[in-house]
N, C-alpha and C. Protein backbone atom coordinates (compact mmCIF):
# COMPACT_ATOMS: atom_id res chain seq x y z
N UNK A 1 15.47 44.07 -83.51
CA UNK A 1 14.11 43.57 -83.31
C UNK A 1 13.33 43.46 -84.62
N UNK A 2 13.86 44.05 -85.70
CA UNK A 2 13.14 43.98 -86.97
C UNK A 2 12.96 42.53 -87.42
N UNK A 3 14.00 41.71 -87.23
CA UNK A 3 13.91 40.30 -87.62
C UNK A 3 12.87 39.59 -86.80
N UNK A 4 12.82 39.86 -85.50
CA UNK A 4 11.83 39.21 -84.63
C UNK A 4 10.42 39.64 -85.01
N UNK A 5 10.24 40.91 -85.29
CA UNK A 5 8.91 41.39 -85.72
C UNK A 5 8.49 40.70 -87.02
N UNK A 6 9.45 40.53 -87.94
CA UNK A 6 9.16 39.85 -89.20
C UNK A 6 8.81 38.38 -88.95
N UNK A 7 9.57 37.73 -88.09
CA UNK A 7 9.28 36.33 -87.75
C UNK A 7 7.87 36.20 -87.17
N UNK A 8 7.56 37.05 -86.21
CA UNK A 8 6.25 36.99 -85.58
C UNK A 8 5.13 37.16 -86.61
N UNK A 9 5.28 38.15 -87.45
CA UNK A 9 4.28 38.42 -88.48
C UNK A 9 4.10 37.21 -89.40
N UNK A 10 5.21 36.65 -89.86
CA UNK A 10 5.13 35.58 -90.86
C UNK A 10 4.71 34.24 -90.25
N UNK A 11 5.19 33.93 -89.05
CA UNK A 11 4.75 32.69 -88.42
C UNK A 11 3.26 32.75 -88.09
N UNK A 12 2.80 33.88 -87.56
CA UNK A 12 1.38 33.98 -87.21
C UNK A 12 0.50 33.98 -88.46
N UNK A 13 0.99 34.57 -89.55
CA UNK A 13 0.25 34.55 -90.81
C UNK A 13 0.04 33.12 -91.31
N UNK A 14 1.01 32.26 -91.01
CA UNK A 14 0.93 30.86 -91.45
C UNK A 14 0.16 29.97 -90.46
N UNK A 15 -0.27 30.55 -89.34
CA UNK A 15 -1.09 29.77 -88.40
C UNK A 15 -0.36 29.26 -87.18
N UNK A 16 0.92 29.62 -87.03
CA UNK A 16 1.68 29.24 -85.85
C UNK A 16 1.47 30.27 -84.73
N UNK A 17 1.65 29.85 -83.49
CA UNK A 17 1.83 30.80 -82.39
C UNK A 17 3.31 31.19 -82.39
N UNK A 18 3.61 32.40 -81.99
CA UNK A 18 5.01 32.83 -81.95
C UNK A 18 5.25 33.69 -80.72
N UNK A 19 6.31 33.36 -79.97
CA UNK A 19 6.69 34.16 -78.81
C UNK A 19 8.21 34.27 -78.75
N UNK A 20 8.68 35.41 -78.28
CA UNK A 20 10.12 35.69 -78.21
C UNK A 20 10.47 36.13 -76.80
N UNK A 21 11.61 35.65 -76.29
CA UNK A 21 12.03 36.00 -74.94
C UNK A 21 13.51 36.34 -74.94
N UNK A 22 13.89 37.24 -74.04
CA UNK A 22 15.27 37.69 -73.97
C UNK A 22 16.20 36.67 -73.33
N UNK A 23 15.64 35.76 -72.52
CA UNK A 23 16.51 34.77 -71.88
C UNK A 23 15.78 33.44 -71.70
N UNK A 24 16.55 32.42 -71.37
CA UNK A 24 16.01 31.06 -71.26
C UNK A 24 15.01 30.95 -70.12
N UNK A 25 15.28 31.64 -69.02
CA UNK A 25 14.40 31.55 -67.85
C UNK A 25 12.98 32.00 -68.20
N UNK A 26 12.87 33.10 -68.94
CA UNK A 26 11.56 33.60 -69.34
C UNK A 26 10.86 32.60 -70.26
N UNK A 27 11.62 32.03 -71.19
CA UNK A 27 11.04 31.06 -72.12
C UNK A 27 10.56 29.81 -71.39
N UNK A 28 11.36 29.33 -70.45
CA UNK A 28 10.97 28.14 -69.68
C UNK A 28 9.70 28.42 -68.88
N UNK A 29 9.65 29.57 -68.22
CA UNK A 29 8.44 29.92 -67.45
C UNK A 29 7.21 29.97 -68.35
N UNK A 30 7.38 30.51 -69.54
CA UNK A 30 6.26 30.59 -70.48
C UNK A 30 5.78 29.21 -70.89
N UNK A 31 6.71 28.33 -71.23
CA UNK A 31 6.33 26.98 -71.67
C UNK A 31 5.65 26.22 -70.53
N UNK A 32 6.17 26.37 -69.31
CA UNK A 32 5.52 25.72 -68.17
C UNK A 32 4.11 26.25 -67.95
N UNK A 33 3.90 27.52 -68.24
CA UNK A 33 2.56 28.10 -68.09
C UNK A 33 1.61 27.59 -69.18
N UNK A 34 2.17 27.21 -70.32
CA UNK A 34 1.35 26.68 -71.42
C UNK A 34 0.83 25.29 -71.13
N UNK A 35 1.67 24.46 -70.53
CA UNK A 35 1.39 23.03 -70.42
C UNK A 35 0.83 22.72 -69.03
N UNK A 36 -0.43 22.32 -68.93
CA UNK A 36 -1.01 22.02 -67.62
C UNK A 36 -0.32 20.83 -66.96
N UNK A 37 -0.21 20.89 -65.63
CA UNK A 37 0.32 19.74 -64.91
C UNK A 37 -0.58 18.54 -65.15
N UNK A 38 -0.04 17.36 -65.00
CA UNK A 38 -0.68 16.07 -65.30
C UNK A 38 -0.59 15.73 -66.79
N UNK A 39 -0.13 16.67 -67.62
CA UNK A 39 -0.02 16.40 -69.05
C UNK A 39 1.10 15.40 -69.31
N UNK A 40 0.93 14.60 -70.36
CA UNK A 40 2.03 13.76 -70.84
C UNK A 40 2.78 14.53 -71.92
N UNK A 41 4.12 14.44 -71.89
CA UNK A 41 4.94 15.23 -72.79
C UNK A 41 5.99 14.34 -73.44
N UNK A 42 6.02 14.33 -74.77
CA UNK A 42 7.06 13.64 -75.52
C UNK A 42 8.12 14.63 -75.95
N UNK A 43 9.30 14.12 -76.28
CA UNK A 43 10.43 14.99 -76.61
C UNK A 43 11.16 14.49 -77.85
N UNK A 44 11.50 15.43 -78.73
CA UNK A 44 12.44 15.14 -79.79
C UNK A 44 13.84 15.38 -79.26
N UNK A 45 14.82 14.65 -79.77
CA UNK A 45 16.19 14.86 -79.32
C UNK A 45 16.58 16.32 -79.51
N UNK A 46 16.97 17.00 -78.43
CA UNK A 46 17.21 18.43 -78.52
C UNK A 46 18.20 18.89 -77.46
N UNK A 47 19.33 19.42 -77.91
CA UNK A 47 20.28 20.04 -76.99
C UNK A 47 19.70 21.34 -76.43
N UNK A 48 18.88 22.01 -77.21
CA UNK A 48 18.27 23.27 -76.77
C UNK A 48 17.41 23.06 -75.54
N UNK A 49 16.61 22.00 -75.54
CA UNK A 49 15.74 21.71 -74.39
C UNK A 49 16.59 21.50 -73.13
N UNK A 50 17.75 20.85 -73.30
CA UNK A 50 18.64 20.62 -72.16
C UNK A 50 19.31 21.92 -71.72
N UNK A 51 19.82 22.69 -72.69
CA UNK A 51 20.61 23.88 -72.37
C UNK A 51 19.78 24.98 -71.71
N UNK A 52 18.51 25.08 -72.06
CA UNK A 52 17.65 26.11 -71.46
C UNK A 52 17.25 25.77 -70.04
N UNK A 53 17.42 24.50 -69.65
CA UNK A 53 16.95 24.07 -68.33
C UNK A 53 15.49 23.65 -68.33
N UNK A 54 14.88 23.57 -69.52
CA UNK A 54 13.46 23.22 -69.58
C UNK A 54 13.20 21.82 -69.05
N UNK A 55 14.02 20.85 -69.45
CA UNK A 55 13.79 19.49 -68.99
C UNK A 55 13.94 19.39 -67.48
N UNK A 56 14.94 20.03 -66.92
CA UNK A 56 15.12 20.03 -65.47
C UNK A 56 13.92 20.64 -64.77
N UNK A 57 13.42 21.75 -65.30
CA UNK A 57 12.27 22.42 -64.70
C UNK A 57 11.02 21.55 -64.77
N UNK A 58 10.86 20.84 -65.87
CA UNK A 58 9.70 19.97 -66.02
C UNK A 58 9.71 18.79 -65.05
N UNK A 59 10.92 18.33 -64.70
CA UNK A 59 11.03 17.22 -63.77
C UNK A 59 10.58 17.60 -62.36
N UNK A 60 10.53 18.90 -62.09
CA UNK A 60 10.08 19.37 -60.77
C UNK A 60 8.57 19.57 -60.72
N UNK A 61 7.90 19.39 -61.87
CA UNK A 61 6.45 19.54 -61.96
C UNK A 61 5.79 18.17 -62.06
N UNK A 62 4.47 18.18 -61.97
CA UNK A 62 3.72 16.92 -62.03
C UNK A 62 3.34 16.62 -63.48
N UNK A 63 4.37 16.27 -64.28
CA UNK A 63 4.17 15.90 -65.67
C UNK A 63 4.54 14.43 -65.86
N UNK A 64 3.97 13.81 -66.88
CA UNK A 64 4.37 12.47 -67.29
C UNK A 64 5.34 12.66 -68.46
N UNK A 65 6.63 12.62 -68.17
CA UNK A 65 7.66 12.94 -69.16
C UNK A 65 8.10 11.67 -69.88
N UNK A 66 7.83 11.63 -71.19
CA UNK A 66 8.23 10.48 -72.01
C UNK A 66 9.52 10.87 -72.73
N UNK A 67 10.61 10.70 -72.01
CA UNK A 67 11.93 11.11 -72.49
C UNK A 67 12.89 9.95 -72.28
N UNK A 68 13.71 9.67 -73.29
CA UNK A 68 14.60 8.50 -73.23
C UNK A 68 15.55 8.53 -72.04
N UNK A 69 16.01 9.74 -71.65
CA UNK A 69 16.97 9.83 -70.55
C UNK A 69 16.30 9.65 -69.19
N UNK A 70 14.98 9.79 -69.15
CA UNK A 70 14.26 9.72 -67.88
C UNK A 70 13.55 8.38 -67.70
N UNK A 71 12.87 7.93 -68.76
CA UNK A 71 12.06 6.71 -68.65
C UNK A 71 12.88 5.47 -69.05
N UNK A 72 13.87 5.17 -68.24
CA UNK A 72 14.71 4.00 -68.51
C UNK A 72 13.99 2.70 -68.20
N UNK A 73 12.79 2.80 -67.60
CA UNK A 73 11.99 1.61 -67.31
C UNK A 73 11.20 1.14 -68.53
N UNK A 74 11.22 1.92 -69.60
CA UNK A 74 10.44 1.59 -70.80
C UNK A 74 11.41 1.30 -71.94
N UNK A 75 11.22 0.19 -72.68
CA UNK A 75 12.09 -0.09 -73.84
C UNK A 75 12.07 1.05 -74.84
N UNK A 76 13.20 1.26 -75.51
CA UNK A 76 13.34 2.41 -76.43
C UNK A 76 12.25 2.45 -77.48
N UNK A 77 11.93 1.32 -78.10
CA UNK A 77 10.90 1.31 -79.15
C UNK A 77 9.54 1.72 -78.60
N UNK A 78 9.26 1.32 -77.37
CA UNK A 78 7.97 1.71 -76.78
C UNK A 78 7.95 3.20 -76.45
N UNK A 79 9.11 3.73 -76.04
CA UNK A 79 9.21 5.18 -75.80
C UNK A 79 8.79 5.94 -77.05
N UNK A 80 9.35 5.56 -78.20
CA UNK A 80 9.03 6.25 -79.45
C UNK A 80 7.54 6.15 -79.76
N UNK A 81 6.93 5.00 -79.55
CA UNK A 81 5.50 4.82 -79.82
C UNK A 81 4.65 5.67 -78.88
N UNK A 82 5.03 5.72 -77.62
CA UNK A 82 4.25 6.50 -76.65
C UNK A 82 4.27 7.98 -76.97
N UNK A 83 5.36 8.44 -77.54
CA UNK A 83 5.47 9.88 -77.84
C UNK A 83 4.37 10.35 -78.78
N UNK A 84 3.90 9.48 -79.65
CA UNK A 84 2.87 9.88 -80.62
C UNK A 84 1.52 10.15 -79.97
N UNK A 85 1.31 9.60 -78.79
CA UNK A 85 0.00 9.74 -78.14
C UNK A 85 0.05 10.68 -76.94
N UNK A 86 1.16 11.40 -76.76
CA UNK A 86 1.27 12.35 -75.65
C UNK A 86 0.35 13.55 -75.88
N UNK A 87 0.09 14.27 -74.80
CA UNK A 87 -0.70 15.51 -74.91
C UNK A 87 0.09 16.61 -75.63
N UNK A 88 1.39 16.65 -75.34
CA UNK A 88 2.26 17.68 -75.90
C UNK A 88 3.54 17.04 -76.43
N UNK A 89 4.18 17.73 -77.37
CA UNK A 89 5.48 17.31 -77.88
C UNK A 89 6.39 18.52 -77.88
N UNK A 90 7.59 18.37 -77.32
CA UNK A 90 8.54 19.47 -77.20
C UNK A 90 9.81 19.12 -77.99
N UNK A 91 10.22 20.02 -78.86
CA UNK A 91 11.40 19.78 -79.67
C UNK A 91 12.05 21.11 -80.01
N UNK A 92 13.09 21.05 -80.81
CA UNK A 92 13.66 22.26 -81.38
C UNK A 92 13.55 22.13 -82.89
N UNK A 93 14.31 22.93 -83.60
CA UNK A 93 14.35 22.85 -85.06
C UNK A 93 15.79 23.02 -85.49
N UNK A 94 16.11 22.51 -86.66
CA UNK A 94 17.44 22.74 -87.21
C UNK A 94 17.55 24.15 -87.77
N UNK A 95 16.42 24.70 -88.23
CA UNK A 95 16.40 26.08 -88.74
C UNK A 95 14.97 26.57 -88.78
N UNK A 96 14.80 27.88 -88.61
CA UNK A 96 13.50 28.52 -88.86
C UNK A 96 13.75 29.69 -89.79
N UNK A 97 12.88 29.86 -90.77
CA UNK A 97 13.11 30.90 -91.77
C UNK A 97 12.37 32.19 -91.42
N UNK A 98 12.88 33.28 -91.96
CA UNK A 98 12.22 34.57 -91.78
C UNK A 98 10.84 34.58 -92.42
N UNK A 99 10.59 33.65 -93.34
CA UNK A 99 9.28 33.54 -93.98
C UNK A 99 8.28 32.77 -93.13
N UNK A 100 8.74 32.21 -92.00
CA UNK A 100 7.83 31.51 -91.10
C UNK A 100 7.73 30.02 -91.35
N UNK A 101 8.85 29.38 -91.68
CA UNK A 101 8.86 27.93 -91.91
C UNK A 101 9.83 27.26 -90.96
N UNK A 102 9.58 25.98 -90.67
CA UNK A 102 10.41 25.21 -89.73
C UNK A 102 11.06 24.07 -90.51
N UNK A 103 12.38 23.94 -90.39
CA UNK A 103 13.13 22.93 -91.15
C UNK A 103 13.80 21.96 -90.18
N UNK A 104 13.60 20.67 -90.43
CA UNK A 104 14.27 19.63 -89.65
C UNK A 104 14.76 18.53 -90.56
N UNK A 105 15.96 18.03 -90.27
CA UNK A 105 16.49 16.84 -90.94
C UNK A 105 16.70 15.77 -89.88
N UNK A 106 16.22 14.57 -90.17
CA UNK A 106 16.23 13.49 -89.18
C UNK A 106 16.86 12.22 -89.73
N UNK A 107 17.35 11.42 -88.81
CA UNK A 107 17.85 10.10 -89.15
C UNK A 107 16.79 9.03 -88.95
N UNK A 108 16.30 8.89 -87.73
CA UNK A 108 15.26 7.91 -87.43
C UNK A 108 13.89 8.36 -87.96
N UNK A 109 13.62 9.67 -87.86
CA UNK A 109 12.35 10.20 -88.32
C UNK A 109 11.30 10.34 -87.24
N UNK A 110 11.61 9.89 -86.01
CA UNK A 110 10.63 9.97 -84.94
C UNK A 110 10.28 11.42 -84.59
N UNK A 111 11.27 12.30 -84.65
CA UNK A 111 11.03 13.70 -84.30
C UNK A 111 10.12 14.37 -85.32
N UNK A 112 10.47 14.25 -86.59
CA UNK A 112 9.65 14.94 -87.60
C UNK A 112 8.27 14.32 -87.71
N UNK A 113 8.16 13.02 -87.56
CA UNK A 113 6.84 12.39 -87.70
C UNK A 113 5.95 12.75 -86.52
N UNK A 114 6.51 12.86 -85.32
CA UNK A 114 5.70 13.26 -84.16
C UNK A 114 5.22 14.70 -84.29
N UNK A 115 6.08 15.56 -84.83
CA UNK A 115 5.68 16.96 -85.03
C UNK A 115 4.56 17.05 -86.07
N UNK A 116 4.63 16.21 -87.10
CA UNK A 116 3.64 16.26 -88.17
C UNK A 116 2.30 15.66 -87.79
N UNK A 117 2.34 14.51 -87.11
CA UNK A 117 1.08 13.78 -86.89
C UNK A 117 1.14 12.97 -85.60
N UNK A 118 1.46 13.65 -84.52
CA UNK A 118 1.49 12.99 -83.21
C UNK A 118 0.66 13.80 -82.23
N UNK A 119 1.28 14.26 -81.13
CA UNK A 119 0.56 15.12 -80.19
C UNK A 119 -0.04 16.34 -80.88
N UNK A 120 -1.18 16.76 -80.41
CA UNK A 120 -1.89 17.85 -81.07
C UNK A 120 -1.43 19.23 -80.62
N UNK A 121 -0.51 19.26 -79.66
CA UNK A 121 0.09 20.53 -79.24
C UNK A 121 1.60 20.35 -79.24
N UNK A 122 2.30 21.20 -79.99
CA UNK A 122 3.73 21.07 -80.20
C UNK A 122 4.42 22.38 -79.84
N UNK A 123 5.55 22.27 -79.12
CA UNK A 123 6.39 23.43 -78.82
C UNK A 123 7.71 23.26 -79.56
N UNK A 124 8.09 24.26 -80.34
CA UNK A 124 9.38 24.31 -81.02
C UNK A 124 10.19 25.41 -80.35
N UNK A 125 11.23 25.03 -79.61
CA UNK A 125 12.04 25.96 -78.83
C UNK A 125 13.38 26.17 -79.54
N UNK A 126 13.72 27.42 -79.84
CA UNK A 126 14.93 27.71 -80.63
C UNK A 126 15.69 28.91 -80.09
N UNK A 127 17.00 28.89 -80.29
CA UNK A 127 17.80 30.08 -80.09
C UNK A 127 17.86 30.89 -81.38
N UNK A 128 18.35 32.11 -81.28
CA UNK A 128 18.39 32.99 -82.45
C UNK A 128 19.38 32.48 -83.51
N UNK A 129 20.29 31.58 -83.12
CA UNK A 129 21.23 31.02 -84.09
C UNK A 129 20.55 30.15 -85.13
N UNK A 130 19.29 29.75 -84.88
CA UNK A 130 18.56 28.91 -85.83
C UNK A 130 17.84 29.72 -86.92
N UNK A 131 17.85 31.05 -86.80
CA UNK A 131 17.13 31.89 -87.75
C UNK A 131 17.92 32.02 -89.05
N UNK A 132 17.25 31.75 -90.18
CA UNK A 132 17.87 31.87 -91.51
C UNK A 132 16.93 32.67 -92.41
N UNK A 133 17.44 33.10 -93.53
CA UNK A 133 16.63 33.95 -94.41
C UNK A 133 15.59 33.15 -95.19
N UNK A 134 15.96 31.94 -95.64
CA UNK A 134 15.03 31.19 -96.48
C UNK A 134 15.31 29.69 -96.38
N UNK A 135 14.54 28.89 -97.10
CA UNK A 135 14.64 27.43 -97.03
C UNK A 135 16.02 26.94 -97.46
N UNK A 136 16.56 27.52 -98.54
CA UNK A 136 17.87 27.08 -99.03
C UNK A 136 18.94 27.28 -97.97
N UNK A 137 18.93 28.42 -97.31
CA UNK A 137 19.90 28.68 -96.25
C UNK A 137 19.66 27.76 -95.06
N UNK A 138 18.38 27.46 -94.80
CA UNK A 138 18.04 26.57 -93.70
C UNK A 138 18.56 25.16 -93.92
N UNK A 139 18.40 24.64 -95.13
CA UNK A 139 18.91 23.30 -95.43
C UNK A 139 20.43 23.29 -95.39
N UNK A 140 21.05 24.35 -95.89
CA UNK A 140 22.50 24.45 -95.81
C UNK A 140 22.96 24.45 -94.35
N UNK A 141 22.23 25.16 -93.50
CA UNK A 141 22.59 25.21 -92.08
C UNK A 141 22.47 23.82 -91.44
N UNK A 142 21.40 23.12 -91.74
CA UNK A 142 21.22 21.80 -91.13
C UNK A 142 22.33 20.85 -91.55
N UNK A 143 22.73 20.92 -92.80
CA UNK A 143 23.72 19.97 -93.32
C UNK A 143 25.15 20.33 -92.92
N UNK A 144 25.44 21.63 -92.80
CA UNK A 144 26.83 22.04 -92.58
C UNK A 144 27.11 22.57 -91.18
N UNK A 145 26.07 22.74 -90.38
CA UNK A 145 26.27 23.17 -88.99
C UNK A 145 25.71 22.12 -88.03
N UNK A 146 24.40 21.87 -88.12
CA UNK A 146 23.75 20.99 -87.13
C UNK A 146 24.15 19.53 -87.29
N UNK A 147 24.07 19.01 -88.49
CA UNK A 147 24.31 17.58 -88.68
C UNK A 147 25.73 17.14 -88.32
N UNK A 148 26.77 17.85 -88.77
CA UNK A 148 28.12 17.42 -88.36
C UNK A 148 28.31 17.40 -86.85
N UNK A 149 27.79 18.42 -86.16
CA UNK A 149 27.94 18.46 -84.70
C UNK A 149 27.16 17.33 -84.03
N UNK A 150 25.97 17.04 -84.55
CA UNK A 150 25.19 15.95 -83.99
C UNK A 150 25.85 14.60 -84.27
N UNK A 151 26.46 14.45 -85.43
CA UNK A 151 27.16 13.20 -85.73
C UNK A 151 28.34 12.97 -84.79
N UNK A 152 29.05 14.04 -84.46
CA UNK A 152 30.13 13.93 -83.48
C UNK A 152 29.56 13.55 -82.12
N UNK A 153 28.49 14.24 -81.71
CA UNK A 153 27.88 13.98 -80.40
C UNK A 153 27.38 12.55 -80.29
N UNK A 154 26.82 12.02 -81.38
CA UNK A 154 26.24 10.68 -81.38
C UNK A 154 27.23 9.59 -81.78
N UNK A 155 28.49 10.01 -82.01
CA UNK A 155 29.55 9.07 -82.38
C UNK A 155 29.21 8.32 -83.68
N UNK A 156 28.70 9.06 -84.66
CA UNK A 156 28.35 8.47 -85.95
C UNK A 156 29.59 8.41 -86.84
N UNK A 157 29.67 7.36 -87.63
CA UNK A 157 30.80 7.18 -88.54
C UNK A 157 30.44 7.77 -89.91
N UNK A 158 30.47 9.09 -89.97
CA UNK A 158 30.14 9.79 -91.21
C UNK A 158 31.29 10.71 -91.60
N UNK A 159 31.42 11.02 -92.88
CA UNK A 159 32.47 11.96 -93.30
C UNK A 159 32.36 13.32 -92.62
N UNK A 160 31.13 13.81 -92.41
CA UNK A 160 30.97 15.14 -91.83
C UNK A 160 31.45 15.21 -90.39
N UNK A 161 31.43 14.07 -89.69
CA UNK A 161 31.94 14.04 -88.32
C UNK A 161 33.44 14.30 -88.29
N UNK A 162 34.10 14.04 -89.41
CA UNK A 162 35.55 14.25 -89.52
C UNK A 162 35.85 15.63 -90.10
N UNK A 163 35.15 15.99 -91.18
CA UNK A 163 35.47 17.23 -91.90
C UNK A 163 34.74 18.44 -91.36
N UNK A 164 33.61 18.22 -90.66
CA UNK A 164 32.83 19.34 -90.13
C UNK A 164 31.90 19.97 -91.13
N UNK A 165 31.75 19.33 -92.31
CA UNK A 165 30.81 19.85 -93.30
C UNK A 165 30.19 18.69 -94.08
N UNK A 166 29.06 18.96 -94.69
CA UNK A 166 28.34 17.91 -95.42
C UNK A 166 29.16 17.44 -96.62
N UNK A 167 29.30 16.13 -96.74
CA UNK A 167 29.99 15.55 -97.89
C UNK A 167 29.01 14.82 -98.81
N UNK A 168 27.70 15.05 -98.58
CA UNK A 168 26.64 14.41 -99.38
C UNK A 168 26.85 12.90 -99.43
N UNK A 169 27.08 12.33 -98.27
CA UNK A 169 27.46 10.92 -98.18
C UNK A 169 26.25 9.99 -98.28
N UNK A 170 26.56 8.72 -98.49
CA UNK A 170 25.56 7.65 -98.43
C UNK A 170 25.93 6.68 -97.30
N UNK A 171 26.56 7.20 -96.28
CA UNK A 171 26.97 6.37 -95.16
C UNK A 171 25.76 5.74 -94.47
N UNK A 172 25.86 4.48 -94.05
CA UNK A 172 24.78 3.86 -93.27
C UNK A 172 24.49 4.63 -91.98
N UNK A 173 25.47 5.38 -91.49
CA UNK A 173 25.31 6.13 -90.25
C UNK A 173 24.75 7.53 -90.45
N UNK A 174 24.48 7.92 -91.69
CA UNK A 174 24.00 9.28 -91.91
C UNK A 174 22.74 9.58 -91.09
N UNK A 175 22.66 10.80 -90.59
CA UNK A 175 21.44 11.22 -89.89
C UNK A 175 20.61 12.15 -90.77
N UNK A 176 21.02 12.30 -92.02
CA UNK A 176 20.29 13.15 -92.97
C UNK A 176 19.43 12.27 -93.89
N UNK A 177 18.46 11.60 -93.31
CA UNK A 177 17.64 10.65 -94.07
C UNK A 177 16.28 11.21 -94.47
N UNK A 178 15.80 12.20 -93.74
CA UNK A 178 14.49 12.78 -94.06
C UNK A 178 14.53 14.27 -93.78
N UNK A 179 14.17 15.06 -94.78
CA UNK A 179 14.09 16.51 -94.62
C UNK A 179 12.64 16.93 -94.64
N UNK A 180 12.21 17.62 -93.59
CA UNK A 180 10.81 18.05 -93.49
C UNK A 180 10.74 19.56 -93.30
N UNK A 181 9.96 20.21 -94.14
CA UNK A 181 9.74 21.65 -94.04
C UNK A 181 8.28 21.87 -93.66
N UNK A 182 8.07 22.45 -92.50
CA UNK A 182 6.71 22.72 -92.04
C UNK A 182 6.34 24.14 -92.45
N UNK A 183 5.44 24.23 -93.44
CA UNK A 183 5.00 25.54 -93.94
C UNK A 183 3.85 26.09 -93.12
N UNK A 184 3.06 25.20 -92.55
CA UNK A 184 1.92 25.53 -91.69
C UNK A 184 1.79 24.42 -90.67
N UNK A 185 1.15 24.66 -89.53
CA UNK A 185 0.84 23.53 -88.64
C UNK A 185 -0.05 22.54 -89.39
N UNK A 186 0.22 21.25 -89.21
CA UNK A 186 -0.62 20.26 -89.88
C UNK A 186 -2.02 20.28 -89.28
N UNK A 187 -2.99 19.79 -90.03
CA UNK A 187 -4.39 19.88 -89.65
C UNK A 187 -4.63 19.30 -88.26
N UNK A 188 -5.25 20.09 -87.41
CA UNK A 188 -5.58 19.65 -86.06
C UNK A 188 -4.48 19.84 -85.04
N UNK A 189 -3.33 20.40 -85.44
CA UNK A 189 -2.20 20.57 -84.54
C UNK A 189 -1.93 22.04 -84.28
N UNK A 190 -1.70 22.38 -83.02
CA UNK A 190 -1.26 23.74 -82.64
C UNK A 190 0.24 23.71 -82.45
N UNK A 191 0.95 24.64 -83.06
CA UNK A 191 2.40 24.69 -82.93
C UNK A 191 2.81 26.04 -82.34
N UNK A 192 3.52 25.97 -81.23
CA UNK A 192 4.03 27.16 -80.55
C UNK A 192 5.52 27.29 -80.84
N UNK A 193 5.91 28.32 -81.56
CA UNK A 193 7.32 28.58 -81.84
C UNK A 193 7.81 29.57 -80.78
N UNK A 194 8.82 29.14 -80.01
CA UNK A 194 9.35 29.96 -78.92
C UNK A 194 10.83 30.23 -79.21
N UNK A 195 11.18 31.50 -79.37
CA UNK A 195 12.55 31.88 -79.73
C UNK A 195 13.17 32.62 -78.56
N UNK A 196 14.43 32.27 -78.24
CA UNK A 196 15.17 32.87 -77.16
C UNK A 196 16.35 33.66 -77.74
N UNK A 197 16.61 34.82 -77.18
CA UNK A 197 17.70 35.68 -77.66
C UNK A 197 19.05 35.16 -77.14
N UNK A 198 19.40 33.97 -77.62
CA UNK A 198 20.63 33.31 -77.19
C UNK A 198 20.96 32.22 -78.20
N UNK A 199 22.25 31.92 -78.36
CA UNK A 199 22.61 30.78 -79.20
C UNK A 199 22.42 29.50 -78.39
N UNK A 200 21.58 28.60 -78.93
CA UNK A 200 21.22 27.38 -78.22
C UNK A 200 21.30 26.18 -79.16
N UNK A 201 21.84 25.08 -78.67
CA UNK A 201 21.87 23.86 -79.46
C UNK A 201 22.71 24.02 -80.70
N UNK A 202 22.45 23.11 -81.66
CA UNK A 202 23.21 23.09 -82.90
C UNK A 202 22.38 23.63 -84.06
């Protein structure tokens, strides 16, 4: 628990909300209690959101879910635009540091840009496998753990999809196009960091 206490202290010092739960069910219940029904919710691509059952639970509530897998009636480009004006945005992170920072690497950039300057309330849901000591370790994790697995999942033609590690490529299919480190919530945005005592996502 020392690491969790340190995370809580450092994230709250930087202006984030921080909550920790022993299992996914508790975390999902907490997030549902945060977000009022009738709210519109945008989503960053996240295996964690799927694995915890959060998306399934949200579909049983009276929310306006702006999610690519759900809103097939809306063109993809419009989905991305609508996400910026939602009441809430739910995503995960590629890494969170013990110093209280959030690290994400993106290909399209819709996830990081929405977290920075989109909905004014953001939830970052993570498993304990995303915890790293510092920014350098966080970037290493994103490039050598998260990105190769996501490239395989998305059927990207990148060297890392074959080797399982970052080859510092310039492939047109690379998903490592933008690295964003959130040191504090951006002005006017509330960020809730929710950590679950389980390995979740990539």
